[in-house]
Every structure is written in C-alpha cells, then in structure tokens.
C-alpha atoms as a PDB file:
ATOM      1  CA  MET A   1      17.178 -11.762 -24.687  1.00  0.00           C
ATOM      2  CA  ARG A   2      14.612  -9.711 -22.738  1.00  0.00           C
ATOM      3  CA  ILE A   3      15.498  -7.694 -19.657  1.00  0.00           C
ATOM      4  CA  VAL A   4      12.623  -7.727 -17.155  1.00  0.00           C
ATOM      5  CA  ARG A   5      13.848  -5.335 -14.476  1.00  0.00           C
ATOM      6  CA  SER A   6      17.199  -3.625 -14.420  1.00  0.00           C
ATOM      7  CA  THR A   7      18.891  -1.775 -11.555  1.00  0.00           C
ATOM      8  CA  ILE A   8      20.298   1.691 -12.155  1.00  0.00           C
ATOM      9  CA  ALA A   9      23.545   2.550 -10.357  1.00  0.00           C
ATOM     10  CA  ALA A  10      23.082   4.924  -7.422  1.00  0.00           C
ATOM     11  CA  ALA A  11      25.789   7.226  -8.819  1.00  0.00           C
ATOM     12  CA  ASP A  12      23.818   7.645 -12.042  1.00  0.00           C
ATOM     13  CA  ILE A  13      20.636   8.377 -10.094  1.00  0.00           C
ATOM     14  CA  LEU A  14      22.484  11.046  -8.111  1.00  0.00           C
ATOM     15  CA  ASP A  15      23.667  12.621 -11.359  1.00  0.00           C
ATOM     16  CA  LYS A  16      20.052  12.693 -12.584  1.00  0.00           C
ATOM     17  CA  ILE A  17      18.935  14.245  -9.319  1.00  0.00           C
ATOM     18  CA  ARG A  18      21.553  17.004  -9.471  1.00  0.00           C
ATOM     19  CA  ARG A  19      20.650  17.829 -13.062  1.00  0.00           C
ATOM     20  CA  ASN A  20      16.887  17.879 -12.583  1.00  0.00           C
ATOM     21  CA  TYR A  21      16.224  19.210  -9.065  1.00  0.00           C
ATOM     22  CA  SER A  22      17.228  22.489  -7.446  1.00  0.00           C
ATOM     23  CA  ASP A  23      19.623  22.931  -4.547  1.00  0.00           C
ATOM     24  CA  PHE A  24      21.312  19.519  -4.544  1.00  0.00           C
ATOM     25  CA  HIS A  25      24.917  20.389  -3.720  1.00  0.00           C
ATOM     26  CA  GLN A  26      28.105  18.544  -4.609  1.00  0.00           C
ATOM     27  CA  ASN A  27      28.215  16.748  -1.252  1.00  0.00           C
ATOM     28  CA  ALA A  28      24.818  15.165  -1.809  1.00  0.00           C
ATOM     29  CA  ALA A  29      24.802  11.356  -1.707  1.00  0.00           C
ATOM     30  CA  CYS A  30      22.615   8.547  -2.992  1.00  0.00           C
ATOM     31  CA  THR A  31      22.204   4.912  -1.959  1.00  0.00           C
ATOM     32  CA  PHE A  32      20.089   2.118  -3.366  1.00  0.00           C
ATOM     33  CA  GLU A  33      17.781   1.697  -0.379  1.00  0.00           C
ATOM     34  CA  TYR A  34      15.664  -1.327  -1.300  1.00  0.00           C
ATOM     35  CA  ARG A  35      13.807  -3.097  -4.053  1.00  0.00           C
ATOM     36  CA  GLY A  36      10.176  -3.982  -3.656  1.00  0.00           C
ATOM     37  CA  VAL A  37       7.247  -3.259  -5.929  1.00  0.00           C
ATOM     38  CA  ASN A  38       9.374  -0.283  -7.005  1.00  0.00           C
ATOM     39  CA  ASP A  39      13.068   0.618  -6.766  1.00  0.00           C
ATOM     40  CA  ILE A  40      13.793   3.079  -3.953  1.00  0.00           C
ATOM     41  CA  TYR A  41      16.907   5.250  -3.622  1.00  0.00           C
ATOM     42  CA  ARG A  42      17.697   7.402  -0.592  1.00  0.00           C
ATOM     43  CA  CYS A  43      19.194  10.776  -1.487  1.00  0.00           C
ATOM     44  CA  THR A  44      20.768  12.891   1.261  1.00  0.00           C
ATOM     45  CA  ASN A  45      21.387  16.582   0.827  1.00  0.00           C
ATOM     46  CA  GLY A  46      22.888  18.137   3.927  1.00  0.00           C
ATOM     47  CA  ASN A  47      20.538  17.373   6.820  1.00  0.00           C
ATOM     48  CA  LEU A  48      17.654  16.471   4.490  1.00  0.00           C
ATOM     49  CA  SER A  49      16.739  13.080   3.092  1.00  0.00           C
ATOM     50  CA  PHE A  50      14.626  12.343   0.035  1.00  0.00           C
ATOM     51  CA  PHE A  51      13.479   9.132  -1.591  1.00  0.00           C
ATOM     52  CA  PHE A  52      13.563   8.618  -5.334  1.00  0.00           C
ATOM     53  CA  LYS A  53      10.994   6.055  -6.430  1.00  0.00           C
ATOM     54  CA  ILE A  54      11.396   4.367  -9.810  1.00  0.00           C
ATOM     55  CA  TYR A  55       8.121   2.730 -10.763  1.00  0.00           C
ATOM     56  CA  ALA A  56       8.269  -0.855 -11.956  1.00  0.00           C
ATOM     57  CA  ARG A  57       4.722  -2.234 -12.283  1.00  0.00           C
ATOM     58  CA  LYS A  58       3.704  -2.711 -15.899  1.00  0.00           C
ATOM     59  CA  ASP A  59       0.060  -1.787 -15.246  1.00  0.00           C
ATOM     60  CA  ILE A  60       0.932   1.639 -13.819  1.00  0.00           C
ATOM     61  CA  ASP A  61       1.467   4.140 -16.617  1.00  0.00           C
ATOM     62  CA  GLU A  62       2.319   7.823 -16.756  1.00  0.00           C
ATOM     63  CA  VAL A  63      -1.314   8.859 -16.311  1.00  0.00           C
ATOM     64  CA  ALA A  64      -1.702   6.742 -13.164  1.00  0.00           C
ATOM     65  CA  ILE A  65       1.512   8.127 -11.640  1.00  0.00           C
ATOM     66  CA  GLU A  66       0.392  11.694 -12.365  1.00  0.00           C
ATOM     67  CA  ALA A  67      -2.897  10.872 -10.629  1.00  0.00           C
ATOM     68  CA  GLU A  68      -1.044   9.588  -7.558  1.00  0.00           C
ATOM     69  CA  ILE A  69       0.932  12.845  -7.451  1.00  0.00           C
ATOM     70  CA  GLU A  70      -2.279  14.858  -7.795  1.00  0.00           C
ATOM     71  CA  ILE A  71      -3.821  12.999  -4.851  1.00  0.00           C
ATOM     72  CA  VAL A  72      -0.804  13.435  -2.572  1.00  0.00           C
ATOM     73  CA  ASN A  73      -0.462  17.115  -3.462  1.00  0.00           C
ATOM     74  CA  HIS A  74      -4.147  17.674  -2.702  1.00  0.00           C
ATOM     75  CA  LEU A  75      -3.707  16.111   0.738  1.00  0.00           C
ATOM     76  CA  ARG A  76      -0.618  18.199   1.417  1.00  0.00           C
ATOM     77  CA  ARG A  77      -2.311  21.445   0.346  1.00  0.00           C
ATOM     78  CA  SER A  78      -5.197  20.525   2.634  1.00  0.00           C
ATOM     79  CA  GLY A  79      -2.860  20.248   5.623  1.00  0.00           C
ATOM     80  CA  LEU A  80      -2.408  16.479   5.959  1.00  0.00           C
ATOM     81  CA  SER A  81       1.082  15.309   6.872  1.00  0.00           C
ATOM     82  CA  VAL A  82       2.275  13.251   3.886  1.00  0.00           C
ATOM     83  CA  ALA A  83       5.553  12.448   2.169  1.00  0.00           C
ATOM     84  CA  TYR A  84       5.104  14.718  -0.844  1.00  0.00           C
ATOM     85  CA  PRO A  85       6.545  14.756  -4.388  1.00  0.00           C
ATOM     86  CA  VAL A  86       9.283  17.258  -5.155  1.00  0.00           C
ATOM     87  CA  VAL A  87       8.912  19.315  -8.317  1.00  0.00           C
ATOM     88  CA  ARG A  88      11.691  19.348 -10.915  1.00  0.00           C
ATOM     89  CA  LYS A  89      13.382  22.455 -12.287  1.00  0.00           C
ATOM     90  CA  ASN A  90      11.099  22.298 -15.321  1.00  0.00           C
ATOM     91  CA  GLY A  91       7.949  22.350 -13.193  1.00  0.00           C
ATOM     92  CA  LYS A  92       7.140  18.668 -13.718  1.00  0.00           C
ATOM     93  CA  TYR A  93       7.185  15.799 -11.242  1.00  0.00           C
ATOM     94  CA  LEU A  94       7.875  12.733 -13.392  1.00  0.00           C
ATOM     95  CA  LEU A  95      11.445  12.077 -14.488  1.00  0.00           C
ATOM     96  CA  PRO A  96      11.568   9.757 -17.538  1.00  0.00           C
ATOM     97  CA  LEU A  97      14.342   7.177 -17.449  1.00  0.00           C
ATOM     98  CA  SER A  98      15.651   5.086 -20.304  1.00  0.00           C
ATOM     99  CA  THR A  99      16.337   1.502 -19.185  1.00  0.00           C
ATOM    100  CA  PRO A 100      17.097  -1.767 -20.990  1.00  0.00           C
ATOM    101  CA  GLU A 101      13.494  -2.946 -20.454  1.00  0.00           C
ATOM    102  CA  GLY A 102      12.046   0.304 -21.791  1.00  0.00           C
ATOM    103  CA  ALA A 103      10.928   3.658 -20.450  1.00  0.00           C
ATOM    104  CA  ARG A 104      10.346   3.977 -16.707  1.00  0.00           C
ATOM    105  CA  PHE A 105       9.471   6.961 -14.541  1.00  0.00           C
ATOM    106  CA  GLY A 106      10.925   8.236 -11.303  1.00  0.00           C
ATOM    107  CA  VAL A 107       9.533  10.670  -8.743  1.00  0.00           C
ATOM    108  CA  LEU A 108      11.432  12.298  -5.865  1.00  0.00           C
ATOM    109  CA  PHE A 109       9.583  12.332  -2.529  1.00  0.00           C
ATOM    110  CA  SER A 110      10.246  14.056   0.759  1.00  0.00           C
ATOM    111  CA  GLU A 111      11.094  11.914   3.753  1.00  0.00           C
ATOM    112  CA  ALA A 112       8.396  10.652   6.111  1.00  0.00           C
ATOM    113  CA  GLU A 113      10.244  11.615   9.281  1.00  0.00           C
ATOM    114  CA  GLY A 114      10.557   9.239  12.200  1.00  0.00           C
ATOM    115  CA  ASN A 115      10.107   5.492  12.392  1.00  0.00           C
ATOM    116  CA  PRO A 116       7.288   3.127  11.394  1.00  0.00           C
ATOM    117  CA  CYS A 117       4.475   2.724  13.924  1.00  0.00           C
ATOM    118  CA  ASN A 118       5.077  -1.021  13.893  1.00  0.00           C
ATOM    119  CA  GLY A 119       4.238  -3.372  16.702  1.00  0.00           C
ATOM    120  CA  ASP A 120       1.228  -5.204  18.000  1.00  0.00           C
ATOM    121  CA  LEU A 121       1.076  -3.127  21.143  1.00  0.00           C
ATOM    122  CA  ILE A 122       0.942   0.494  20.034  1.00  0.00           C
ATOM    123  CA  ASP A 123      -0.853   2.218  22.881  1.00  0.00           C
ATOM    124  CA  GLU A 124      -4.434   3.457  22.980  1.00  0.00           C
ATOM    125  CA  GLN A 125      -3.630   7.108  22.384  1.00  0.00           C
ATOM    126  CA  GLU A 126      -1.542   6.306  19.340  1.00  0.00           C
ATOM    127  CA  ILE A 127      -4.328   4.144  17.898  1.00  0.00           C
ATOM    128  CA  ILE A 128      -6.691   7.107  18.303  1.00  0.00           C
ATOM    129  CA  LYS A 129      -4.162   9.460  16.643  1.00  0.00           C
ATOM    130  CA  ILE A 130      -3.703   7.079  13.718  1.00  0.00           C
ATOM    131  CA  SER A 131      -7.460   6.666  13.280  1.00  0.00           C
ATOM    132  CA  ARG A 132      -7.919  10.445  13.271  1.00  0.00           C
ATOM    133  CA  LEU A 133      -5.206  10.747  10.629  1.00  0.00           C
ATOM    134  CA  ILE A 134      -6.948   8.140   8.443  1.00  0.00           C
ATOM    135  CA  SER A 135     -10.337   9.744   9.041  1.00  0.00           C
ATOM    136  CA  GLU A 136      -8.993  13.152   8.037  1.00  0.00           C
ATOM    137  CA  MET A 137      -7.368  11.646   4.944  1.00  0.00           C
ATOM    138  CA  HIS A 138     -10.641  10.019   3.824  1.00  0.00           C
ATOM    139  CA  THR A 139     -12.551  13.258   4.408  1.00  0.00           C
ATOM    140  CA  LEU A 140     -10.025  15.228   2.355  1.00  0.00           C
ATOM    141  CA  LEU A 141     -10.045  12.631  -0.416  1.00  0.00           C
ATOM    142  CA  ASP A 142     -13.815  13.076  -0.690  1.00  0.00           C
ATOM    143  CA  ALA A 143     -13.210  16.773  -1.309  1.00  0.00           C
ATOM    144  CA  ILE A 144     -10.660  16.418  -4.110  1.00  0.00           C
ATOM    145  CA  PRO A 145     -11.893  18.711  -6.917  1.00  0.00           C
ATOM    146  CA  SER A 146     -11.055  16.325  -9.774  1.00  0.00           C
ATOM    147  CA  SER A 147     -11.444  12.634 -10.566  1.00  0.00           C
ATOM    148  CA  PRO A 148      -7.887  11.222 -10.661  1.00  0.00           C
ATOM    149  CA  GLN A 149      -7.497   8.314 -13.066  1.00  0.00           C
ATOM    150  CA  ARG A 150      -6.596   5.506 -10.674  1.00  0.00           C
ATOM    151  CA  TRP A 151      -7.570   1.840 -10.632  1.00  0.00           C
ATOM    152  CA  LYS A 152     -10.496   0.312  -8.757  1.00  0.00           C
ATOM    153  CA  LEU A 153      -9.599  -1.718  -5.681  1.00  0.00           C
ATOM    154  CA  ASP A 154     -12.507  -4.071  -6.323  1.00  0.00           C
ATOM    155  CA  ASP A 155     -13.176  -7.787  -6.530  1.00  0.00           C
ATOM    156  CA  ARG A 156     -12.199  -7.979 -10.186  1.00  0.00           C
ATOM    157  CA  LEU A 157      -8.654  -6.847  -9.399  1.00  0.00           C
ATOM    158  CA  PHE A 158      -8.198  -8.280  -5.919  1.00  0.00           C
ATOM    159  CA  LEU A 159      -9.982 -11.596  -6.421  1.00  0.00           C
ATOM    160  CA  ASP A 160     -10.563 -12.494 -10.077  1.00  0.00           C
ATOM    161  CA  ARG A 161      -7.168 -11.315 -11.337  1.00  0.00           C
ATOM    162  CA  SER A 162      -5.337 -12.849  -8.388  1.00  0.00           C
ATOM    163  CA  ILE A 163      -6.993 -16.257  -8.844  1.00  0.00           C
ATOM    164  CA  GLU A 164      -6.082 -16.180 -12.550  1.00  0.00           C
ATOM    165  CA  ILE A 165      -2.458 -15.582 -11.548  1.00  0.00           C
ATOM    166  CA  LEU A 166      -2.553 -18.378  -8.958  1.00  0.00           C
ATOM    167  CA  GLU A 167      -4.087 -20.761 -11.483  1.00  0.00           C
ATOM    168  CA  ASP A 168      -1.210 -20.118 -13.872  1.00  0.00           C
ATOM    169  CA  TYR A 169       1.297 -20.441 -11.043  1.00  0.00           C
ATOM    170  CA  SER A 170      -0.178 -23.777  -9.904  1.00  0.00           C
ATOM    171  CA  GLN A 171       1.071 -25.368 -13.123  1.00  0.00           C
ATOM    172  CA  PHE A 172       4.594 -25.007 -11.700  1.00  0.00           C
ATOM    173  CA  ASN A 173       3.654 -25.467  -8.052  1.00  0.00           C
ATOM    174  CA  PRO A 174       0.785 -27.997  -8.022  1.00  0.00           C
ATOM    175  CA  HIS A 175       0.725 -28.242  -4.214  1.00  0.00           C
ATOM    176  CA  ILE A 176      -0.948 -24.811  -3.975  1.00  0.00           C
ATOM    177  CA  GLU A 177      -4.355 -25.265  -2.347  1.00  0.00           C
ATOM    178  CA  LEU A 178      -6.191 -23.842  -5.333  1.00  0.00           C
ATOM    179  CA  PRO A 179      -9.622 -25.428  -4.569  1.00  0.00           C
ATOM    180  CA  PHE A 180      -9.555 -23.889  -1.074  1.00  0.00           C
ATOM    181  CA  LEU A 181      -8.538 -20.460  -2.400  1.00  0.00           C
ATOM    182  CA  LYS A 182     -11.267 -20.586  -5.056  1.00  0.00           C
ATOM    183  CA  GLU A 183     -13.856 -21.385  -2.383  1.00  0.00           C
ATOM    184  CA  VAL A 184     -12.668 -18.413  -0.352  1.00  0.00           C
ATOM    185  CA  VAL A 185     -12.941 -16.159  -3.409  1.00  0.00           C
ATOM    186  CA  LYS A 186     -16.435 -17.485  -4.191  1.00  0.00           C
ATOM    187  CA  GLU A 187     -17.620 -16.682  -0.657  1.00  0.00           C
ATOM    188  CA  LEU A 188     -16.012 -13.232  -0.694  1.00  0.00           C
ATOM    189  CA  LYS A 189     -17.627 -12.345  -4.013  1.00  0.00           C
ATOM    190  CA  GLU A 190     -21.034 -13.433  -2.716  1.00  0.00           C
ATOM    191  CA  GLN A 191     -20.583 -11.307   0.408  1.00  0.00           C
ATOM    192  CA  ILE A 192     -19.584  -8.305  -1.708  1.00  0.00           C
ATOM    193  CA  GLN A 193     -22.517  -8.765  -4.086  1.00  0.00           C
ATOM    194  CA  ASP A 194     -25.011  -9.048  -1.229  1.00  0.00           C
ATOM    195  CA  ARG A 195     -23.688  -6.318   1.068  1.00  0.00           C
ATOM    196  CA  ALA A 196     -21.467  -3.817  -0.754  1.00  0.00           C
ATOM    197  CA  ARG A 197     -24.305  -1.373  -1.353  1.00  0.00           C
ATOM    198  CA  ASP A 198     -24.153  -0.556   2.367  1.00  0.00           C
ATOM    199  CA  TRP A 199     -20.404   0.173   2.400  1.00  0.00           C
ATOM    200  CA  ASN A 200     -18.802   3.571   1.902  1.00  0.00           C
ATOM    201  CA  TRP A 201     -16.858   3.874  -1.372  1.00  0.00           C
ATOM    202  CA  GLY A 202     -14.291   6.494  -2.353  1.00  0.00           C
ATOM    203  CA  LEU A 203     -10.637   7.246  -2.952  1.00  0.00           C
ATOM    204  CA  CYS A 204      -8.419   5.130  -0.713  1.00  0.00           C
ATOM    205  CA  HIS A 205      -4.769   5.013   0.272  1.00  0.00           C
ATOM    206  CA  GLY A 206      -4.798   1.323  -0.618  1.00  0.00           C
ATOM    207  CA  ASP A 207      -2.083   0.075   1.734  1.00  0.00           C
ATOM    208  CA  ILE A 208      -2.642   1.434   5.232  1.00  0.00           C
ATOM    209  CA  TYR A 209      -0.627  -0.542   7.707  1.00  0.00           C
ATOM    210  CA  THR A 210       1.660   0.687  10.463  1.00  0.00           C
ATOM    211  CA  GLY A 211       4.762   0.470   8.269  1.00  0.00           C
ATOM    212  CA  ASN A 212       3.364   3.222   6.033  1.00  0.00           C
ATOM    213  CA  ILE A 213       2.759   5.593   8.947  1.00  0.00           C
ATOM    214  CA  HIS A 214       5.853   7.159  10.528  1.00  0.00           C
ATOM    215  CA  ARG A 215       6.064   8.676  13.990  1.00  0.00           C
ATOM    216  CA  ARG A 216       8.595  11.288  15.073  1.00  0.00           C
ATOM    217  CA  ASN A 217       9.913  11.350  18.629  1.00  0.00           C
ATOM    218  CA  ASP A 218       7.439  14.125  19.424  1.00  0.00           C
ATOM    219  CA  GLY A 219       4.544  11.908  18.297  1.00  0.00           C
ATOM    220  CA  TYR A 220       3.928  13.686  14.973  1.00  0.00           C
ATOM    221  CA  LEU A 221       2.543  11.259  12.363  1.00  0.00           C
ATOM    222  CA  THR A 222       3.135  11.206   8.598  1.00  0.00           C
ATOM    223  CA  ILE A 223       1.454   8.872   6.127  1.00  0.00           C
ATOM    224  CA  TYR A 224       3.164   7.927   2.882  1.00  0.00           C
ATOM    225  CA  ASP A 225       3.432   5.413   0.024  1.00  0.00           C
ATOM    226  CA  PHE A 226       0.292   5.987  -2.048  1.00  0.00           C
ATOM    227  CA  ASP A 227       1.489   3.515  -4.668  1.00  0.00           C
ATOM    228  CA  PHE A 228      -1.722   1.452  -4.398  1.00  0.00           C
ATOM    229  CA  CYS A 229      -4.138   4.371  -4.074  1.00  0.00           C
ATOM    230  CA  GLY A 230      -7.384   4.019  -5.949  1.00  0.00           C
ATOM    231  CA  TYR A 231     -11.154   3.811  -5.665  1.00  0.00           C
ATOM    232  CA  GLY A 232     -12.397   1.271  -3.175  1.00  0.00           C
ATOM    233  CA  TRP A 233     -14.394   0.519  -0.063  1.00  0.00           C
ATOM    234  CA  ARG A 234     -13.262   2.479   2.966  1.00  0.00           C
ATOM    235  CA  ALA A 235     -13.749  -0.628   5.127  1.00  0.00           C
ATOM    236  CA  TYR A 236     -11.101  -2.259   2.942  1.00  0.00           C
ATOM    237  CA  ASP A 237      -8.785   0.711   3.363  1.00  0.00           C
ATOM    238  CA  VAL A 238      -8.736   0.394   7.166  1.00  0.00           C
ATOM    239  CA  SER A 239      -8.612  -3.419   7.182  1.00  0.00           C
ATOM    240  CA  PRO A 240      -4.795  -3.873   7.024  1.00  0.00           C
ATOM    241  CA  PHE A 241      -4.427  -1.692  10.123  1.00  0.00           C
ATOM    242  CA  LEU A 242      -7.351  -3.230  12.006  1.00  0.00           C
ATOM    243  CA  GLY A 243      -6.821  -6.813  10.872  1.00  0.00           C
ATOM    244  CA  ASN A 244      -3.069  -7.235  11.325  1.00  0.00           C
ATOM    245  CA  PHE A 245      -3.407 -10.570   9.507  1.00  0.00           C
ATOM    246  CA  SER A 246       0.166 -11.789   9.927  1.00  0.00           C
ATOM    247  CA  ALA A 247      -0.164 -11.770  13.741  1.00  0.00           C
ATOM    248  CA  GLY A 248      -2.486 -14.780  13.519  1.00  0.00           C
ATOM    249  CA  VAL A 249      -5.471 -15.690  15.682  1.00  0.00           C
ATOM    250  CA  ARG A 250      -4.032 -16.645  19.065  1.00  0.00           C
ATOM    251  CA  GLY A 251      -6.134 -15.590  22.027  1.00  0.00           C
ATOM    252  CA  GLU A 252      -3.912 -12.694  23.024  1.00  0.00           C
ATOM    253  CA  VAL A 253      -3.743 -11.456  19.424  1.00  0.00           C
ATOM    254  CA  ILE A 254      -7.527 -11.533  19.087  1.00  0.00           C
ATOM    255  CA  ASN A 255      -7.849  -9.489  22.270  1.00  0.00           C
ATOM    256  CA  ASN A 256      -5.324  -6.952  20.955  1.00  0.00           C
ATOM    257  CA  ARG A 257      -7.276  -6.796  17.694  1.00  0.00           C
ATOM    258  CA  LYS A 258     -10.511  -6.040  19.588  1.00  0.00           C
ATOM    259  CA  ARG A 259      -8.714  -3.386  21.592  1.00  0.00           C
ATOM    260  CA  ARG A 260      -7.344  -1.801  18.436  1.00  0.00           C
ATOM    261  CA  LEU A 261     -10.843  -1.639  16.936  1.00  0.00           C
ATOM    262  CA  GLU A 262     -12.309  -0.112  20.106  1.00  0.00           C
ATOM    263  CA  TYR A 263      -9.854   2.776  20.132  1.00  0.00           C
ATOM    264  CA  PHE A 264      -9.820   3.149  16.363  1.00  0.00           C
ATOM    265  CA  LEU A 265     -13.553   3.835  16.349  1.00  0.00           C
ATOM    266  CA  ARG A 266     -13.052   6.642  18.867  1.00  0.00           C
ATOM    267  CA  GLY A 267     -10.892   8.535  16.399  1.00  0.00           C
ATOM    268  CA  TYR A 268     -12.412   7.543  13.046  1.00  0.00           C
ATOM    269  CA  GLU A 269     -15.385   9.902  13.131  1.00  0.00           C
ATOM    270  CA  ASN A 270     -14.999  12.748  10.650  1.00  0.00           C
ATOM    271  CA  ALA A 271     -15.280  10.423   7.651  1.00  0.00           C
ATOM    272  CA  GLY A 272     -18.628   9.115   8.872  1.00  0.00           C
ATOM    273  CA  GLY A 273     -17.361   6.337  11.092  1.00  0.00           C
ATOM    274  CA  LEU A 274     -17.835   2.669  10.301  1.00  0.00           C
ATOM    275  CA  SER A 275     -21.233   0.983  10.303  1.00  0.00           C
ATOM    276  CA  ASP A 276     -21.763  -2.371  11.995  1.00  0.00           C
ATOM    277  CA  SER A 277     -21.868  -3.951   8.530  1.00  0.00           C
ATOM    278  CA  GLU A 278     -18.526  -2.377   7.624  1.00  0.00           C
ATOM    279  CA  ILE A 279     -16.919  -3.452  10.907  1.00  0.00           C
ATOM    280  CA  GLU A 280     -18.010  -7.042  10.288  1.00  0.00           C
ATOM    281  CA  ALA A 281     -16.775  -6.815   6.700  1.00  0.00           C
ATOM    282  CA  VAL A 282     -13.316  -5.696   7.820  1.00  0.00           C
ATOM    283  CA  TYR A 283     -12.670  -9.119   9.370  1.00  0.00           C
ATOM    284  CA  LYS A 284     -14.966 -11.391   7.398  1.00  0.00           C
ATOM    285  CA  VAL A 285     -14.401  -9.951   3.916  1.00  0.00           C
ATOM    286  CA  PHE A 286     -11.571  -7.482   3.561  1.00  0.00           C
ATOM    287  CA  VAL A 287      -8.748  -9.119   5.478  1.00  0.00           C
ATOM    288  CA  PRO A 288      -9.056 -12.299   3.331  1.00  0.00           C
ATOM    289  CA  PHE A 289      -9.749 -10.062   0.299  1.00  0.00           C
ATOM    290  CA  ARG A 290      -6.380  -8.367   0.750  1.00  0.00           C
ATOM    291  CA  ARG A 291      -4.588 -11.648   1.457  1.00  0.00           C
ATOM    292  CA  ILE A 292      -5.808 -13.187  -1.804  1.00  0.00           C
ATOM    293  CA  PHE A 293      -4.557 -10.058  -3.570  1.00  0.00           C
ATOM    294  CA  ASN A 294      -1.141 -10.446  -1.933  1.00  0.00           C
ATOM    295  CA  MET A 295      -0.855 -14.128  -2.809  1.00  0.00           C
ATOM    296  CA  GLY A 296      -1.849 -13.533  -6.410  1.00  0.00           C
ATOM    297  CA  TYR A 297      -1.254 -10.066  -7.813  1.00  0.00           C
ATOM    298  CA  LEU A 298       1.335  -8.704  -5.372  1.00  0.00           C
ATOM    299  CA  TYR A 299       3.623 -11.735  -5.110  1.00  0.00           C
ATOM    300  CA  HIS A 300       3.497 -12.056  -8.889  1.00  0.00           C
ATOM    301  CA  ALA A 301       4.620  -8.410  -9.180  1.00  0.00           C
ATOM    302  CA  LEU A 302       7.523  -9.251  -6.860  1.00  0.00           C
ATOM    303  CA  TYR A 303       8.563 -12.428  -8.677  1.00  0.00           C
ATOM    304  CA  TYR A 304      11.719 -10.864 -10.154  1.00  0.00           C
ATOM    305  CA  VAL A 305      12.556  -9.355  -6.768  1.00  0.00           C
ATOM    306  CA  TRP A 306      12.185 -12.464  -4.598  1.00  0.00           C
ATOM    307  CA  GLY A 307      12.426 -15.379  -6.997  1.00  0.00           C
ATOM    308  CA  ASN A 308      10.247 -18.467  -6.941  1.00  0.00           C
ATOM    309  CA  LYS A 309      11.330 -19.962  -3.616  1.00  0.00           C
ATOM    310  CA  LEU A 310      10.310 -17.035  -1.424  1.00  0.00           C
ATOM    311  CA  ARG A 311       7.124 -16.535  -3.411  1.00  0.00           C
ATOM    312  CA  ASN A 312       6.218 -20.176  -2.945  1.00  0.00           C
ATOM    313  CA  ASP A 313       7.092 -20.110   0.770  1.00  0.00           C
ATOM    314  CA  LEU A 314       4.944 -17.040   1.355  1.00  0.00           C
ATOM    315  CA  ILE A 315       1.946 -18.482  -0.482  1.00  0.00           C
ATOM    316  CA  THR A 316       2.222 -21.630   1.640  1.00  0.00           C
ATOM    317  CA  HIS A 317       2.558 -19.564   4.833  1.00  0.00           C
ATOM    318  CA  ASP A 318      -0.346 -17.265   3.934  1.00  0.00           C
ATOM    319  CA  THR A 319      -2.586 -20.202   3.037  1.00  0.00           C
ATOM    320  CA  ARG A 320      -2.051 -21.713   6.471  1.00  0.00           C
ATOM    321  CA  LEU A 321      -2.845 -18.397   8.170  1.00  0.00           C
ATOM    322  CA  LEU A 322      -5.886 -17.931   5.929  1.00  0.00           C
ATOM    323  CA  HIS A 323      -7.259 -21.316   7.042  1.00  0.00           C
ATOM    324  CA  GLU A 324      -6.856 -20.215  10.657  1.00  0.00           C
ATOM    325  CA  TRP A 325      -8.403 -16.799   9.999  1.00  0.00           C
ATOM    326  CA  ILE A 326     -11.478 -18.273   8.330  1.00  0.00           C
ATOM    327  CA  ASP A 327     -11.939 -20.820  11.095  1.00  0.00           C
ATOM    328  CA  CYS A 328     -11.910 -17.923  13.565  1.00  0.00           C
ATOM    329  CA  TYR A 329     -13.880 -15.183  11.794  1.00  0.00           C
ATOM    330  CA  TRP A 330     -16.289 -17.090   9.540  1.00  0.00           C
END
C-alpha cells in the first residue's frame, strides 16, 4: 500500500525545530497551520512567529528548493522586504525529513508581518505601493549574480501540461468542457508565438496576488511565498494582481480593474514599465493562461488535499468564469 502524502505531528516538528535551529526555548510552540501545495506549521518562540514549510510537490527537488532560497536571500540582502529562510545550526537551510512516502524537505521561514492585502477595493496609494514593491523585486531579480535552477513558467508547463492532466481527468469526469478548454489553449499558444518576442522575460515570483503580500498596521509591505518562482514573462507575473480573475466581469468589477491598472502603472516604473502589448496580454493572454494552469496542474497537485469533489467543483466554477472572461476580453 502506497502512502501519497502523510502529515507529521506538530509535536514532532517542534522537536525537530528545537534540535536544528538556535534559540528556540522550551516554551516554544508549534501548530499545524494549513495544508495546501505544501504543509505549513506555525512555530512561536516568545513574541516571534516562524513558518515551517514542508515541500510536497513531486517535481520540486532539492536543487529547486535551494534555488528558491538563493532567490529570496538575494532579495533580502538587496533590501527588499521578504519572508526569509532561517539558517540551521549547521549552516544549511534545508532540513531533510523521513516520511512514509519518502524523503521530503522542510525550510523555516520568518513571518510576513501583518495581514494580507486582500480586497477588491484597496485604495490608490496602496496599489501604487504594491506596484513599486513588485517593480523593485523585478529589478533586483534581474541583478541576481547567478542563474538559479528554477522551472520555466511557459506555455509548455502552464498550457500543454495542464491540458494533458485535464484530458486524463476527463475520463473520470466526462462533463468537463474539454473542447472549449483546448480551443482556449490553442488561441493562447498562437498569441504567445506571435507576440512573446515583445514581452519582457526574467525571474518571476510566480504567484503575485494580494494574499501573498502582507501589510502591517503602519503600511509596511512584505512579499512572501516564492514557491512558484521561476523564469517567465513579467506581464504574466503581474497578471494575478491586475486581473483578479475570481471577481468576475461585472461592470463595477471591470471599472475597479481599470482603476487598479491605472495606479499600478504609476508605481511600476523601475523595471521598465509595461508596454501596450504587455498590458493587453495581461488580460487577453495571461489571466486565462494562469487559470488553465490552476485547473490542470495546480488542482491536480492539490488532489490529495481537497479530494475529487472540490476539485471537480472548482473546475466547473472556473470554466464558467473563463467563458465570461473570454466573452469580455477577447
């Protein structure tokens, strides 16, 4: 019998933390915070909180995790506010863990202080602050002195791989609108082939939405969760924040989306700004591009977290929203 994804007791994680990291006292505590793409534990040590991330994706190996750490450390050294990895007593960052499904790796991260910048109606000044943070991050990523070994956030991963997954899944859920999704992918690939040469490419965060940017009460912003970082189009990297796909295409939402773009462009300057072609691609290409990735690759990765029913419900929900998005922006 094969174990796909086990859960380690919080008490055992705390014991590992005490043994491997400095200055964790006897009153330190650990809770299993949530399970998503990875398993996340919150560790409190006095007034400080840390998050221990146990990686779960099969296509992310030790080299890729080390590259993520290298990227985040580079940003931190360069002065960007990020949730950073905490070094172990032995000078390393990765903590190997023996589990029933095989070897996994954990990394302890500092807390991103504050609360997520969620909400459709974040004000104009905050949009500008967020765009400046993203612009600074992209500029610093261009200056990284090495070439971290991370995946490409391209059409082969986001579109081809995701459609392969959805094709396999349709054998069990034949009501999936596979012909429609394939037509969307075909159009996206044609757009990328015809226009991508004009789009800025480089290291990306990979998952920039307001939930991955925290704001303290004093307005200080911290970006975190570089789990999907890799090489991709910068117009893609800003598309989750600018597109806000799940809000739909009602009139008021569209107006808020235009407003968000207007103020975003005022702050996103240091990284070269966005060309007219890239702005168009955000809505016409990269919002659907990311949604296909979610429906295929991401929901498949979360299968043993959610189960089939939620996965199926989300694919159905996203397909309906994707129809509406395409009717609006194509």
